[in-house]
């Protein structure tokens, strides 16, 4: 009997901490979870300039291959850029189910971002994402290229997929979730969290998110 296993992939300029609460939640329910750190992440952002989108893809694919060898077909959860990488992996390895959290196709909502900055300056909202100042331009270009390259992958997805989007996300435009939902022809579910911003695992609806992911993955 294969072990219940799930790989969770973090976002651009982030780290495993972005999915830590969800991974802990699933581990308490007997799921073997791995949350690999993508090349150039988890430390000083200037290190990102040493890596390309090919490095991020290769890391995700290698880690998933190792988990499949140990456990058989796995589940994948991708947050933000990690959702793009998870989609790529799901189209190439034995994957049982796929969950995409705040995955960027249209990766910036200018109006929401401007409003967010104004609210921060007015002191009406605390900052909920780590500072991204100092992110190398090259890394940003690589990220944008990755978004473009992965878009066609959604039409090839053949496993059940959960798409989650925070309605108040100031980084990823809510239309991204709709776009992905329309492109995927496999069985799919769309969950919009009305009060959530980008870091879904740390928002006020995190408990609901964890429960929905657990139910979808059938643990």
N, C-alpha and C. Protein backbone atom coordinates (compact mmCIF):
# COMPACT_ATOMS: atom_id res chain seq x y z
N UNK A 1 0.85 -1.20 0.00
CA UNK A 1 0.00 0.00 0.00
C UNK A 1 0.88 1.25 0.00
N UNK A 2 0.61 2.15 -0.89
CA UNK A 2 1.43 3.35 -1.01
C UNK A 2 1.16 4.30 0.15
N UNK A 3 2.18 5.07 0.50
CA UNK A 3 2.07 6.09 1.55
C UNK A 3 1.36 7.32 1.00
N UNK A 4 0.48 7.89 1.79
CA UNK A 4 -0.14 9.16 1.38
C UNK A 4 0.94 10.23 1.40
N UNK A 5 1.20 10.82 0.27
CA UNK A 5 2.30 11.78 0.17
C UNK A 5 1.87 13.01 -0.62
N UNK A 6 2.35 14.15 -0.17
CA UNK A 6 2.01 15.42 -0.82
C UNK A 6 3.24 16.31 -0.85
N UNK A 7 3.53 16.86 -2.01
CA UNK A 7 4.59 17.85 -2.13
C UNK A 7 3.97 19.22 -2.29
N UNK A 8 4.46 20.16 -1.52
CA UNK A 8 3.97 21.54 -1.56
C UNK A 8 5.09 22.43 -2.07
N UNK A 9 4.77 23.31 -3.02
CA UNK A 9 5.78 24.14 -3.66
C UNK A 9 5.49 25.62 -3.41
N UNK A 10 6.46 26.31 -2.87
CA UNK A 10 6.27 27.72 -2.49
C UNK A 10 6.38 28.67 -3.69
N UNK A 11 6.23 29.96 -3.41
CA UNK A 11 6.16 30.96 -4.47
C UNK A 11 7.46 31.71 -4.74
N UNK A 12 7.40 32.60 -5.70
CA UNK A 12 8.54 33.42 -6.13
C UNK A 12 8.97 34.37 -5.03
N UNK A 13 10.26 34.38 -4.72
CA UNK A 13 10.91 35.16 -3.67
C UNK A 13 10.50 34.73 -2.27
N UNK A 14 9.70 33.69 -2.16
CA UNK A 14 9.25 33.21 -0.86
C UNK A 14 10.10 32.06 -0.36
N UNK A 15 9.46 31.13 0.32
CA UNK A 15 10.16 29.97 0.86
C UNK A 15 9.16 28.98 1.41
N UNK A 16 9.64 27.86 1.93
CA UNK A 16 8.75 26.84 2.48
C UNK A 16 7.80 27.36 3.55
N UNK A 17 8.18 28.44 4.24
CA UNK A 17 7.31 28.99 5.29
C UNK A 17 5.93 29.36 4.76
N UNK A 18 5.84 29.69 3.46
CA UNK A 18 4.55 30.13 2.90
C UNK A 18 3.50 29.03 2.97
N UNK A 19 3.95 27.79 2.97
CA UNK A 19 3.04 26.65 3.01
C UNK A 19 3.19 25.84 4.30
N UNK A 20 4.00 26.35 5.22
CA UNK A 20 4.25 25.65 6.48
C UNK A 20 3.00 25.28 7.26
N UNK A 21 2.08 26.22 7.47
CA UNK A 21 0.87 25.89 8.25
C UNK A 21 0.02 24.79 7.60
N UNK A 22 -0.09 24.81 6.28
CA UNK A 22 -0.85 23.77 5.59
C UNK A 22 -0.14 22.43 5.68
N UNK A 23 1.17 22.43 5.50
CA UNK A 23 1.94 21.19 5.60
C UNK A 23 1.80 20.58 7.00
N UNK A 24 1.87 21.42 8.03
CA UNK A 24 1.72 20.93 9.40
C UNK A 24 0.33 20.34 9.62
N UNK A 25 -0.67 21.01 9.07
CA UNK A 25 -2.05 20.54 9.19
C UNK A 25 -2.19 19.15 8.57
N UNK A 26 -1.63 18.96 7.40
CA UNK A 26 -1.74 17.67 6.72
C UNK A 26 -0.91 16.59 7.42
N UNK A 27 0.25 16.96 7.96
CA UNK A 27 1.09 15.99 8.67
C UNK A 27 0.37 15.44 9.89
N UNK A 28 -0.37 16.29 10.56
CA UNK A 28 -1.12 15.84 11.74
C UNK A 28 -2.20 14.83 11.37
N UNK A 29 -2.52 14.77 10.10
CA UNK A 29 -3.51 13.81 9.61
C UNK A 29 -2.87 12.63 8.91
N UNK A 30 -1.59 12.46 9.16
CA UNK A 30 -0.90 11.28 8.68
C UNK A 30 -0.34 11.35 7.28
N UNK A 31 -0.27 12.54 6.73
CA UNK A 31 0.22 12.69 5.36
C UNK A 31 1.71 13.00 5.38
N UNK A 32 2.46 12.31 4.56
CA UNK A 32 3.89 12.61 4.39
C UNK A 32 4.01 13.83 3.49
N UNK A 33 4.50 14.94 4.04
CA UNK A 33 4.59 16.19 3.28
C UNK A 33 6.04 16.61 3.10
N UNK A 34 6.37 17.05 1.91
CA UNK A 34 7.67 17.65 1.66
C UNK A 34 7.43 19.05 1.10
N UNK A 35 8.28 19.99 1.52
CA UNK A 35 8.16 21.37 1.05
C UNK A 35 9.56 21.84 0.64
N UNK A 36 9.99 21.48 -0.56
CA UNK A 36 11.36 21.82 -0.99
C UNK A 36 11.56 23.32 -1.15
N UNK A 37 12.80 23.74 -0.98
CA UNK A 37 13.16 25.14 -1.18
C UNK A 37 13.72 25.30 -2.59
N UNK A 38 13.15 26.20 -3.36
CA UNK A 38 13.58 26.41 -4.74
C UNK A 38 14.93 27.13 -4.78
N UNK A 39 15.75 26.88 -5.81
CA UNK A 39 17.07 27.50 -5.91
C UNK A 39 17.01 29.03 -5.84
N UNK A 40 17.87 29.60 -5.01
CA UNK A 40 17.94 31.05 -4.87
C UNK A 40 16.96 31.63 -3.88
N UNK A 41 16.10 30.80 -3.33
CA UNK A 41 15.09 31.25 -2.38
C UNK A 41 15.50 30.91 -0.95
N UNK A 42 14.74 31.45 -0.01
CA UNK A 42 14.97 31.12 1.38
C UNK A 42 16.10 31.88 2.04
N UNK A 43 16.78 32.73 1.31
CA UNK A 43 17.88 33.50 1.88
C UNK A 43 17.85 34.93 1.37
N UNK A 44 19.00 35.44 1.01
CA UNK A 44 19.09 36.80 0.50
C UNK A 44 18.60 36.83 -0.94
N UNK A 45 17.72 37.78 -1.25
CA UNK A 45 17.08 37.82 -2.56
C UNK A 45 18.08 38.02 -3.70
N UNK A 46 19.22 38.62 -3.40
CA UNK A 46 20.18 38.85 -4.49
C UNK A 46 20.71 37.52 -5.06
N UNK A 47 20.58 36.44 -4.28
CA UNK A 47 21.01 35.14 -4.76
C UNK A 47 20.18 34.67 -5.94
N UNK A 48 18.98 35.21 -6.10
CA UNK A 48 18.09 34.80 -7.18
C UNK A 48 18.69 35.03 -8.56
N UNK A 49 19.57 36.02 -8.67
CA UNK A 49 20.12 36.34 -9.99
C UNK A 49 21.01 35.23 -10.54
N UNK A 50 21.37 34.29 -9.70
CA UNK A 50 22.22 33.17 -10.13
C UNK A 50 21.41 32.04 -10.77
N UNK A 51 20.09 32.15 -10.72
CA UNK A 51 19.26 31.04 -11.17
C UNK A 51 18.23 31.49 -12.21
N UNK A 52 17.73 30.50 -12.95
CA UNK A 52 16.73 30.77 -13.98
C UNK A 52 15.49 29.92 -13.72
N UNK A 53 14.48 30.14 -14.53
CA UNK A 53 13.24 29.36 -14.43
C UNK A 53 13.52 27.87 -14.64
N UNK A 54 14.53 27.56 -15.46
CA UNK A 54 14.88 26.16 -15.70
C UNK A 54 15.35 25.49 -14.41
N UNK A 55 16.04 26.25 -13.57
CA UNK A 55 16.50 25.71 -12.28
C UNK A 55 15.32 25.42 -11.36
N UNK A 56 14.34 26.31 -11.36
CA UNK A 56 13.16 26.12 -10.50
C UNK A 56 12.35 24.92 -10.97
N UNK A 57 12.18 24.79 -12.27
CA UNK A 57 11.45 23.65 -12.83
C UNK A 57 12.18 22.35 -12.50
N UNK A 58 13.49 22.34 -12.71
CA UNK A 58 14.28 21.13 -12.46
C UNK A 58 14.20 20.70 -11.00
N UNK A 59 14.26 21.64 -10.09
CA UNK A 59 14.18 21.33 -8.66
C UNK A 59 12.84 20.70 -8.32
N UNK A 60 11.76 21.32 -8.80
CA UNK A 60 10.42 20.79 -8.52
C UNK A 60 10.26 19.39 -9.08
N UNK A 61 10.75 19.19 -10.30
CA UNK A 61 10.61 17.89 -10.96
C UNK A 61 11.43 16.81 -10.25
N UNK A 62 12.66 17.15 -9.88
CA UNK A 62 13.53 16.19 -9.20
C UNK A 62 12.97 15.78 -7.84
N UNK A 63 12.51 16.77 -7.07
CA UNK A 63 11.95 16.47 -5.75
C UNK A 63 10.70 15.60 -5.87
N UNK A 64 9.87 15.90 -6.87
CA UNK A 64 8.65 15.12 -7.07
C UNK A 64 8.98 13.69 -7.51
N UNK A 65 9.97 13.53 -8.37
CA UNK A 65 10.38 12.20 -8.83
C UNK A 65 10.82 11.34 -7.65
N UNK A 66 11.60 11.94 -6.75
CA UNK A 66 12.09 11.20 -5.59
C UNK A 66 10.94 10.77 -4.69
N UNK A 67 9.94 11.64 -4.52
CA UNK A 67 8.80 11.32 -3.67
C UNK A 67 7.93 10.23 -4.31
N UNK A 68 7.78 10.29 -5.62
CA UNK A 68 7.02 9.26 -6.33
C UNK A 68 7.71 7.90 -6.20
N UNK A 69 9.03 7.89 -6.29
CA UNK A 69 9.77 6.64 -6.16
C UNK A 69 9.58 6.01 -4.79
N UNK A 70 9.46 6.87 -3.77
CA UNK A 70 9.29 6.38 -2.40
C UNK A 70 7.86 5.95 -2.10
N UNK A 71 6.89 6.68 -2.66
CA UNK A 71 5.51 6.56 -2.19
C UNK A 71 4.49 6.19 -3.26
N UNK A 72 4.87 6.18 -4.52
CA UNK A 72 3.88 5.99 -5.57
C UNK A 72 3.26 7.32 -5.94
N UNK A 73 2.10 7.33 -6.61
CA UNK A 73 1.46 8.59 -7.03
C UNK A 73 1.28 9.55 -5.86
N UNK A 74 1.58 10.81 -6.10
CA UNK A 74 1.55 11.82 -5.04
C UNK A 74 0.51 12.89 -5.34
N UNK A 75 0.23 13.70 -4.34
CA UNK A 75 -0.57 14.91 -4.52
C UNK A 75 0.37 16.10 -4.57
N UNK A 76 -0.06 17.15 -5.25
CA UNK A 76 0.72 18.37 -5.36
C UNK A 76 -0.09 19.57 -4.93
N UNK A 77 0.54 20.44 -4.16
CA UNK A 77 -0.06 21.73 -3.79
C UNK A 77 0.95 22.80 -4.18
N UNK A 78 0.53 23.75 -5.01
CA UNK A 78 1.42 24.82 -5.42
C UNK A 78 0.85 26.16 -5.02
N UNK A 79 1.68 26.98 -4.39
CA UNK A 79 1.26 28.33 -4.01
C UNK A 79 1.95 29.35 -4.91
N UNK A 80 1.17 30.27 -5.49
CA UNK A 80 1.68 31.34 -6.33
C UNK A 80 2.53 30.72 -7.46
N UNK A 81 3.80 31.11 -7.62
CA UNK A 81 4.62 30.53 -8.67
C UNK A 81 4.71 29.01 -8.52
N UNK A 82 4.61 28.54 -7.30
CA UNK A 82 4.64 27.11 -7.06
C UNK A 82 3.49 26.38 -7.75
N UNK A 83 2.38 27.10 -7.98
CA UNK A 83 1.27 26.50 -8.71
C UNK A 83 1.62 26.25 -10.17
N UNK A 84 2.41 27.14 -10.73
CA UNK A 84 2.88 26.94 -12.10
C UNK A 84 3.77 25.71 -12.18
N UNK A 85 4.70 25.60 -11.22
CA UNK A 85 5.62 24.47 -11.21
C UNK A 85 4.88 23.16 -10.95
N UNK A 86 3.89 23.21 -10.05
CA UNK A 86 3.11 22.01 -9.75
C UNK A 86 2.33 21.54 -10.98
N UNK A 87 1.83 22.47 -11.76
CA UNK A 87 1.12 22.12 -12.98
C UNK A 87 2.05 21.43 -13.96
N UNK A 88 3.24 21.97 -14.11
CA UNK A 88 4.25 21.37 -14.99
C UNK A 88 4.54 19.94 -14.56
N UNK A 89 4.76 19.74 -13.26
CA UNK A 89 5.08 18.42 -12.73
C UNK A 89 3.91 17.46 -12.93
N UNK A 90 2.70 17.93 -12.68
CA UNK A 90 1.51 17.08 -12.77
C UNK A 90 1.30 16.53 -14.18
N UNK A 91 1.81 17.25 -15.17
CA UNK A 91 1.67 16.79 -16.55
C UNK A 91 2.76 15.79 -16.96
N UNK A 92 3.68 15.48 -16.02
CA UNK A 92 4.81 14.63 -16.38
C UNK A 92 5.06 13.45 -15.45
N UNK A 93 4.45 13.47 -14.28
CA UNK A 93 4.69 12.41 -13.30
C UNK A 93 3.37 11.84 -12.79
N UNK A 94 3.40 10.68 -12.13
CA UNK A 94 2.17 10.12 -11.55
C UNK A 94 1.67 10.98 -10.39
N UNK A 95 0.69 11.79 -10.67
CA UNK A 95 0.10 12.68 -9.67
C UNK A 95 -1.37 12.34 -9.53
N UNK A 96 -1.83 12.25 -8.29
CA UNK A 96 -3.21 11.87 -8.01
C UNK A 96 -4.15 13.07 -8.06
N UNK A 97 -3.78 14.13 -7.35
CA UNK A 97 -4.60 15.34 -7.30
C UNK A 97 -3.70 16.57 -7.23
N UNK A 98 -4.24 17.69 -7.70
CA UNK A 98 -3.47 18.94 -7.82
C UNK A 98 -4.26 20.08 -7.21
N UNK A 99 -3.63 20.83 -6.32
CA UNK A 99 -4.26 22.01 -5.72
C UNK A 99 -3.41 23.24 -6.04
N UNK A 100 -4.04 24.24 -6.64
CA UNK A 100 -3.36 25.46 -7.06
C UNK A 100 -3.87 26.63 -6.22
N UNK A 101 -3.00 27.23 -5.44
CA UNK A 101 -3.37 28.30 -4.52
C UNK A 101 -2.79 29.63 -5.00
N UNK A 102 -3.65 30.57 -5.35
CA UNK A 102 -3.17 31.90 -5.76
C UNK A 102 -2.18 31.83 -6.90
N UNK A 103 -2.47 31.01 -7.88
CA UNK A 103 -1.52 30.80 -8.98
C UNK A 103 -1.60 31.91 -10.02
N UNK A 104 -0.48 32.52 -10.37
CA UNK A 104 -0.49 33.69 -11.25
C UNK A 104 -0.50 33.36 -12.74
N UNK A 105 -1.51 33.79 -13.39
CA UNK A 105 -1.52 33.84 -14.86
C UNK A 105 -1.52 35.32 -15.24
N UNK A 106 -2.43 36.04 -14.62
CA UNK A 106 -2.36 37.50 -14.59
C UNK A 106 -1.84 37.79 -13.19
N UNK A 107 -0.56 38.13 -13.08
CA UNK A 107 0.11 38.06 -11.79
C UNK A 107 0.10 39.33 -10.97
N UNK A 108 -0.44 40.41 -11.52
CA UNK A 108 -0.51 41.64 -10.72
C UNK A 108 -1.84 42.32 -11.00
N UNK A 109 -2.48 42.77 -9.94
CA UNK A 109 -3.69 43.58 -10.06
C UNK A 109 -3.31 45.01 -9.69
N UNK A 110 -3.02 45.86 -10.66
CA UNK A 110 -2.52 47.21 -10.36
C UNK A 110 -3.43 48.01 -9.43
N UNK A 111 -4.73 47.95 -9.68
CA UNK A 111 -5.66 48.72 -8.85
C UNK A 111 -5.60 48.28 -7.40
N UNK A 112 -5.57 46.98 -7.17
CA UNK A 112 -5.51 46.45 -5.82
C UNK A 112 -4.18 46.80 -5.15
N UNK A 113 -3.10 46.76 -5.93
CA UNK A 113 -1.80 47.06 -5.37
C UNK A 113 -1.72 48.53 -4.94
N UNK A 114 -2.22 49.42 -5.78
CA UNK A 114 -2.22 50.85 -5.45
C UNK A 114 -3.04 51.11 -4.18
N UNK A 115 -4.20 50.45 -4.11
CA UNK A 115 -5.06 50.62 -2.93
C UNK A 115 -4.36 50.10 -1.69
N UNK A 116 -3.65 48.98 -1.84
CA UNK A 116 -2.95 48.40 -0.71
C UNK A 116 -1.85 49.33 -0.20
N UNK A 117 -1.10 49.94 -1.11
CA UNK A 117 -0.05 50.88 -0.72
C UNK A 117 -0.64 52.07 0.02
N UNK A 118 -1.75 52.58 -0.51
CA UNK A 118 -2.40 53.73 0.12
C UNK A 118 -2.85 53.38 1.54
N UNK A 119 -3.39 52.17 1.73
CA UNK A 119 -3.86 51.76 3.04
C UNK A 119 -2.70 51.59 4.01
N UNK A 120 -1.58 51.09 3.51
CA UNK A 120 -0.43 50.93 4.39
C UNK A 120 0.10 52.30 4.84
N UNK A 121 0.16 53.23 3.88
CA UNK A 121 0.65 54.57 4.23
C UNK A 121 -0.27 55.25 5.24
N UNK A 122 -1.55 54.92 5.16
CA UNK A 122 -2.52 55.51 6.09
C UNK A 122 -2.55 54.75 7.41
N UNK A 123 -1.81 53.67 7.47
CA UNK A 123 -1.76 52.91 8.71
C UNK A 123 -2.98 52.07 8.96
N UNK A 124 -3.77 51.82 7.93
CA UNK A 124 -5.01 51.09 8.13
C UNK A 124 -4.86 49.60 7.98
N UNK A 125 -3.68 49.13 7.57
CA UNK A 125 -3.49 47.69 7.39
C UNK A 125 -2.03 47.36 7.65
N UNK A 126 -1.81 46.27 8.38
CA UNK A 126 -0.44 45.83 8.61
C UNK A 126 0.06 45.05 7.41
N UNK A 127 1.33 45.08 7.24
CA UNK A 127 1.93 44.39 6.09
C UNK A 127 1.82 42.88 6.26
N UNK A 128 1.37 42.18 5.24
CA UNK A 128 1.19 40.74 5.37
C UNK A 128 2.09 39.93 4.46
N UNK A 129 3.01 40.59 3.79
CA UNK A 129 3.97 39.86 2.98
C UNK A 129 5.36 40.39 3.26
N UNK A 130 6.38 39.50 3.23
CA UNK A 130 7.75 39.94 3.46
C UNK A 130 8.18 40.94 2.40
N UNK A 131 9.10 41.82 2.76
CA UNK A 131 9.57 42.81 1.81
C UNK A 131 10.25 42.18 0.62
N UNK A 132 9.98 42.68 -0.56
CA UNK A 132 10.58 42.14 -1.77
C UNK A 132 11.60 43.09 -2.38
N UNK A 133 11.94 44.14 -1.64
CA UNK A 133 12.93 45.08 -2.15
C UNK A 133 14.24 44.35 -2.38
N UNK A 134 14.89 44.67 -3.49
CA UNK A 134 16.17 44.04 -3.78
C UNK A 134 16.07 42.81 -4.65
N UNK A 135 14.87 42.45 -5.08
CA UNK A 135 14.72 41.31 -5.98
C UNK A 135 15.40 41.64 -7.30
N UNK A 136 16.34 40.82 -7.76
CA UNK A 136 17.06 41.12 -9.00
C UNK A 136 16.11 41.21 -10.19
N UNK A 137 16.36 42.16 -11.06
CA UNK A 137 15.52 42.34 -12.25
C UNK A 137 15.54 41.07 -13.09
N UNK A 138 16.71 40.45 -13.19
CA UNK A 138 16.81 39.23 -13.98
C UNK A 138 15.84 38.16 -13.48
N UNK A 139 15.72 38.05 -12.15
CA UNK A 139 14.84 37.05 -11.57
C UNK A 139 13.38 37.35 -11.90
N UNK A 140 13.03 38.63 -11.88
CA UNK A 140 11.66 39.03 -12.22
C UNK A 140 11.36 38.67 -13.68
N UNK A 141 12.32 38.91 -14.55
CA UNK A 141 12.15 38.56 -15.97
C UNK A 141 11.98 37.06 -16.12
N UNK A 142 12.77 36.29 -15.39
CA UNK A 142 12.65 34.83 -15.45
C UNK A 142 11.27 34.38 -14.97
N UNK A 143 10.78 35.02 -13.95
CA UNK A 143 9.44 34.69 -13.43
C UNK A 143 8.37 34.98 -14.49
N UNK A 144 8.46 36.13 -15.13
CA UNK A 144 7.48 36.49 -16.15
C UNK A 144 7.53 35.52 -17.33
N UNK A 145 8.74 35.09 -17.68
CA UNK A 145 8.88 34.11 -18.76
C UNK A 145 8.27 32.77 -18.35
N UNK A 146 8.42 32.42 -17.09
CA UNK A 146 7.84 31.17 -16.60
C UNK A 146 6.32 31.19 -16.70
N UNK A 147 5.73 32.31 -16.31
CA UNK A 147 4.27 32.46 -16.42
C UNK A 147 3.83 32.21 -17.86
N UNK A 148 4.51 32.83 -18.79
CA UNK A 148 4.15 32.69 -20.20
C UNK A 148 4.32 31.26 -20.69
N UNK A 149 5.40 30.61 -20.27
CA UNK A 149 5.68 29.26 -20.74
C UNK A 149 4.72 28.22 -20.16
N UNK A 150 4.26 28.44 -18.95
CA UNK A 150 3.41 27.45 -18.29
C UNK A 150 1.95 27.58 -18.71
N UNK A 151 1.53 28.72 -19.20
CA UNK A 151 0.12 28.91 -19.57
C UNK A 151 -0.45 27.76 -20.40
N UNK A 152 0.25 27.29 -21.45
CA UNK A 152 -0.31 26.19 -22.24
C UNK A 152 -0.45 24.88 -21.47
N UNK A 153 0.25 24.75 -20.35
CA UNK A 153 0.22 23.51 -19.57
C UNK A 153 -1.15 23.25 -18.95
N UNK A 154 -1.90 24.32 -18.66
CA UNK A 154 -3.19 24.14 -18.00
C UNK A 154 -4.15 23.32 -18.86
N UNK A 155 -4.08 23.48 -20.15
CA UNK A 155 -4.97 22.75 -21.05
C UNK A 155 -4.64 21.26 -21.08
N UNK A 156 -3.45 20.89 -20.62
CA UNK A 156 -3.02 19.49 -20.65
C UNK A 156 -3.28 18.76 -19.33
N UNK A 157 -3.70 19.48 -18.31
CA UNK A 157 -3.92 18.86 -17.00
C UNK A 157 -5.01 17.80 -17.09
N UNK A 158 -4.72 16.61 -16.58
CA UNK A 158 -5.67 15.50 -16.67
C UNK A 158 -6.09 14.94 -15.31
N UNK A 159 -5.61 15.56 -14.22
CA UNK A 159 -5.94 15.07 -12.88
C UNK A 159 -6.91 16.05 -12.21
N UNK A 160 -7.72 15.58 -11.26
CA UNK A 160 -8.62 16.48 -10.53
C UNK A 160 -7.86 17.64 -9.92
N UNK A 161 -8.40 18.84 -10.06
CA UNK A 161 -7.68 20.05 -9.67
C UNK A 161 -8.56 20.97 -8.84
N UNK A 162 -8.00 21.46 -7.75
CA UNK A 162 -8.64 22.48 -6.92
C UNK A 162 -7.94 23.81 -7.17
N UNK A 163 -8.70 24.83 -7.50
CA UNK A 163 -8.15 26.17 -7.77
C UNK A 163 -8.66 27.11 -6.68
N UNK A 164 -7.74 27.72 -5.95
CA UNK A 164 -8.11 28.59 -4.84
C UNK A 164 -7.57 29.99 -5.09
N UNK A 165 -8.40 30.99 -4.84
CA UNK A 165 -8.00 32.38 -5.05
C UNK A 165 -8.56 33.26 -3.94
N UNK A 166 -7.71 34.13 -3.41
CA UNK A 166 -8.17 35.13 -2.46
C UNK A 166 -8.76 36.31 -3.20
N UNK A 167 -9.97 36.69 -2.87
CA UNK A 167 -10.63 37.78 -3.58
C UNK A 167 -9.96 39.12 -3.32
N UNK A 168 -9.22 39.22 -2.22
CA UNK A 168 -8.53 40.47 -1.88
C UNK A 168 -7.03 40.40 -2.18
N UNK A 169 -6.64 39.45 -3.00
CA UNK A 169 -5.23 39.29 -3.38
C UNK A 169 -4.76 40.53 -4.13
N UNK A 170 -3.69 41.16 -3.65
CA UNK A 170 -3.16 42.37 -4.28
C UNK A 170 -1.96 42.07 -5.18
N UNK A 171 -1.62 40.78 -5.31
CA UNK A 171 -0.50 40.39 -6.16
C UNK A 171 -1.00 39.66 -7.40
N UNK A 172 -1.83 38.65 -7.19
CA UNK A 172 -2.38 37.86 -8.29
C UNK A 172 -3.81 38.31 -8.57
N UNK A 173 -4.08 38.69 -9.79
CA UNK A 173 -5.42 39.15 -10.16
C UNK A 173 -6.41 37.99 -10.03
N UNK A 174 -7.56 38.22 -9.43
CA UNK A 174 -8.57 37.16 -9.29
C UNK A 174 -8.96 36.51 -10.61
N UNK A 175 -8.80 37.19 -11.72
CA UNK A 175 -9.15 36.59 -13.01
C UNK A 175 -8.24 35.41 -13.33
N UNK A 176 -7.06 35.35 -12.70
CA UNK A 176 -6.17 34.21 -12.93
C UNK A 176 -6.88 32.90 -12.63
N UNK A 177 -7.60 32.86 -11.51
CA UNK A 177 -8.29 31.62 -11.13
C UNK A 177 -9.35 31.25 -12.16
N UNK A 178 -10.07 32.24 -12.64
CA UNK A 178 -11.09 31.98 -13.66
C UNK A 178 -10.45 31.47 -14.94
N UNK A 179 -9.34 32.08 -15.32
CA UNK A 179 -8.63 31.65 -16.53
C UNK A 179 -8.21 30.19 -16.42
N UNK A 180 -7.60 29.84 -15.29
CA UNK A 180 -7.13 28.47 -15.08
C UNK A 180 -8.32 27.50 -15.09
N UNK A 181 -9.38 27.88 -14.41
CA UNK A 181 -10.57 27.03 -14.35
C UNK A 181 -11.12 26.75 -15.74
N UNK A 182 -11.14 27.76 -16.57
CA UNK A 182 -11.68 27.59 -17.93
C UNK A 182 -10.77 26.75 -18.81
N UNK A 183 -9.47 26.80 -18.58
CA UNK A 183 -8.52 26.07 -19.42
C UNK A 183 -8.43 24.60 -19.07
N UNK A 184 -8.61 24.26 -17.80
CA UNK A 184 -8.49 22.87 -17.38
C UNK A 184 -9.76 22.11 -17.73
N UNK A 185 -9.62 21.01 -18.44
CA UNK A 185 -10.77 20.20 -18.84
C UNK A 185 -11.01 19.02 -17.90
N UNK A 186 -10.04 18.71 -17.06
CA UNK A 186 -10.19 17.63 -16.08
C UNK A 186 -11.18 18.04 -15.00
N UNK A 187 -11.66 17.10 -14.19
CA UNK A 187 -12.53 17.47 -13.06
C UNK A 187 -11.88 18.56 -12.21
N UNK A 188 -12.64 19.56 -11.84
CA UNK A 188 -12.04 20.72 -11.19
C UNK A 188 -13.02 21.38 -10.24
N UNK A 189 -12.47 22.10 -9.28
CA UNK A 189 -13.26 22.87 -8.33
C UNK A 189 -12.63 24.25 -8.21
N UNK A 190 -13.45 25.26 -8.02
CA UNK A 190 -12.97 26.63 -7.85
C UNK A 190 -13.44 27.15 -6.50
N UNK A 191 -12.49 27.58 -5.68
CA UNK A 191 -12.80 28.13 -4.36
C UNK A 191 -12.29 29.55 -4.27
N UNK A 192 -13.20 30.49 -4.07
CA UNK A 192 -12.84 31.89 -3.86
C UNK A 192 -13.00 32.22 -2.38
N UNK A 193 -11.93 32.68 -1.76
CA UNK A 193 -11.98 33.07 -0.36
C UNK A 193 -12.17 34.59 -0.30
N UNK A 194 -13.35 35.05 0.07
CA UNK A 194 -13.72 36.47 -0.09
C UNK A 194 -12.87 37.45 0.70
N UNK A 195 -12.30 37.02 1.81
CA UNK A 195 -11.57 37.96 2.67
C UNK A 195 -10.06 37.73 2.67
N UNK A 196 -9.58 36.89 1.78
CA UNK A 196 -8.16 36.51 1.80
C UNK A 196 -7.32 37.29 0.80
N UNK A 197 -6.08 37.56 1.22
CA UNK A 197 -5.11 38.21 0.37
C UNK A 197 -4.15 37.15 -0.18
N UNK A 198 -2.92 37.52 -0.48
CA UNK A 198 -2.05 36.61 -1.21
C UNK A 198 -1.55 35.44 -0.36
N UNK A 199 -1.09 35.72 0.85
CA UNK A 199 -0.56 34.65 1.69
C UNK A 199 -1.72 33.87 2.32
N UNK A 200 -2.30 32.99 1.55
CA UNK A 200 -3.53 32.31 1.93
C UNK A 200 -3.40 31.50 3.21
N UNK A 201 -2.24 30.94 3.46
CA UNK A 201 -2.06 30.09 4.63
C UNK A 201 -1.94 30.88 5.93
N UNK A 202 -1.91 32.20 5.84
CA UNK A 202 -1.80 33.04 7.02
C UNK A 202 -2.99 33.99 7.19
N UNK A 203 -3.97 33.90 6.31
CA UNK A 203 -5.12 34.79 6.36
C UNK A 203 -6.19 34.33 7.34
N UNK A 204 -7.22 35.15 7.47
CA UNK A 204 -8.29 34.85 8.42
C UNK A 204 -9.13 33.65 7.98
N UNK A 205 -9.00 33.25 6.72
CA UNK A 205 -9.75 32.09 6.23
C UNK A 205 -8.85 30.86 6.06
N UNK A 206 -7.70 30.87 6.72
CA UNK A 206 -6.75 29.78 6.58
C UNK A 206 -7.35 28.45 7.02
N UNK A 207 -8.07 28.44 8.12
CA UNK A 207 -8.67 27.20 8.61
C UNK A 207 -9.63 26.61 7.58
N UNK A 208 -10.41 27.47 6.97
CA UNK A 208 -11.30 26.99 5.92
C UNK A 208 -10.51 26.42 4.74
N UNK A 209 -9.44 27.12 4.37
CA UNK A 209 -8.59 26.66 3.28
C UNK A 209 -8.04 25.27 3.57
N UNK A 210 -7.50 25.08 4.78
CA UNK A 210 -6.91 23.79 5.13
C UNK A 210 -7.95 22.67 5.05
N UNK A 211 -9.15 22.94 5.56
CA UNK A 211 -10.20 21.95 5.52
C UNK A 211 -10.63 21.60 4.10
N UNK A 212 -10.70 22.63 3.25
CA UNK A 212 -11.11 22.42 1.86
C UNK A 212 -10.06 21.61 1.11
N UNK A 213 -8.78 21.92 1.36
CA UNK A 213 -7.70 21.18 0.70
C UNK A 213 -7.71 19.73 1.18
N UNK A 214 -7.86 19.53 2.47
CA UNK A 214 -7.91 18.16 3.01
C UNK A 214 -9.06 17.37 2.39
N UNK A 215 -10.22 17.99 2.32
CA UNK A 215 -11.39 17.31 1.75
C UNK A 215 -11.17 16.99 0.28
N UNK A 216 -10.60 17.94 -0.46
CA UNK A 216 -10.35 17.73 -1.89
C UNK A 216 -9.35 16.60 -2.11
N UNK A 217 -8.32 16.56 -1.29
CA UNK A 217 -7.29 15.52 -1.44
C UNK A 217 -7.77 14.19 -0.88
N UNK A 218 -8.93 14.20 -0.22
CA UNK A 218 -9.57 12.97 0.29
C UNK A 218 -8.72 12.27 1.33
N UNK A 219 -8.17 13.06 2.26
CA UNK A 219 -7.38 12.46 3.34
C UNK A 219 -8.28 12.16 4.53
